[in-house]
Each structure stands twice: as structure tokens, then as C-alpha cells.
């Protein structure tokens, strides 16, 4: 029986649940020929060495901060990944071709959908990295318009210091796609005026470790509906497994 290796590529990823999630899945399914490893690299230029040193690799997940910078190392992109401009799943074919996919958009869309009400028409996305692009793509599919928030304002985004009461009146979904608040730096949070959250708002944090970030705690204190990224993680992981096993 040939050994199949899977793994996660990122920087400082000891917090990630992906390895334990897939390891438990392999045990549950009695899939004895599969293993999952963390590939913690400081620079994306180290990516080729992962492939060279692990000839049994058939699939990879990609996380912060490499969802965009990994693209030049790939042979092709799925239609969705090309539209989004970010990759979080790589399928490695028998011919050692690297095909980039995005399952974040699927995972987020499926996690957010049950919370939506008719007044949830506009979303504010905190952060402009690879995950935020998948979030914007999913929102568009749901018919929800969105705006990005970054440290500096530009034509395509507003800055954090521009967010005020009227922003919250217009945007009823606030999504944290930044790493602020991720374990072990659990006291960090995006600098926004949390006092303007109301019970009409959804606060969604892509972070799942810790289960309740400062962002979610502060939003909840003002009555917002909150959700962390665990369901999104599970959804995107299952979609990744599907992608890896497609013939």
C-alpha cells in the first residue's frame, strides 16, 4: 500500500488544528496509508524544498501568509482560485503537477449562510490578505456587497480610522480576516469602534483558536451575533479532502 502524505504550509502554525483534524479523520476512517504534517517555513522561497524532501506528498493546505505568494510556484489554478487570486489547497498529481484550489470561499459561505437575515446586505472585511479575497468572493456569490478595511485608505479600501457610527449603520456584517487575536497573542484585536455593534450585526472571526477572540467578545458585549472560524475550517478541510481524492 503506497503512503500518501498531506500537510499544511504556513508560518508559525503551531496553533493550527489542521494536523489534529486530519489525523483524527484518518483514524476514524481507518485510512492507515495517510499522514499529515505541518511544514512551518519562514519564507515562501523554502516551498520547493518541502516538495523535494517529501516525495510522497499528494496534497497541501496553505495558510497565512502564503495564500497569494505560493501561486507562482504552481503549474495551474482552478477557475475559482484564479478568480479569487488566492490558494489554500494544492493538489499534487501523479506527474507531480501542482494545481491550486480555493476551498476557503466554500467553507466561509457555508458557515455564514445560516446566520443571514434579509437586512444583511453589506459586509465589512477587516484585512486584505488571501483569506479576505476568498471571503469577498463568497459574499458576492451570496449577493452581499463588501468593502475592505486596511491600515491605509485607497480607492479599493477604507482605513480603520474611517470607521464610525454611520459605517456600522450601513454594514451589518463585520468579518475579521486578519490574524489579530490568534493564539498565543489572544489579547490582540482589530482597532474598530466596538460600541457601534448592535443585535442586528453579525461579527464573524476567521480565527478559531481561541474559540472566542477579543473581537468576538467585544462584539457580543454589544449584542451582536457572533461566530468563529471553526465551522469554516471544517467545511474547507472536507472540501480539500474531496479535491485531493478526485481522480
Foldseek 3Di string as FASTA:
>chain_A
DAAAEEEEEEAPCPLDCLQVVVVVVCVVVVVVRYHYYYDHDPDLVCVVVVCVVCVRYFKYFYDPPCQQVCVVVAPEEDPVCVVLNGFGMWGQDPVRHTYGYDLLLVLVLVVCVVVDDPLQAEEEEEDDGSSSSSVCVNCVVVNHHYAYEDCPDDPRHHYQVVADLVNCVNHQEYEYPDCFCAPPNQQGDDDHDLLNQALSHEYEYLHPVPPAGPSNVSNVVRNHHYGYNPSSVVSSSVVSVVVSPDD
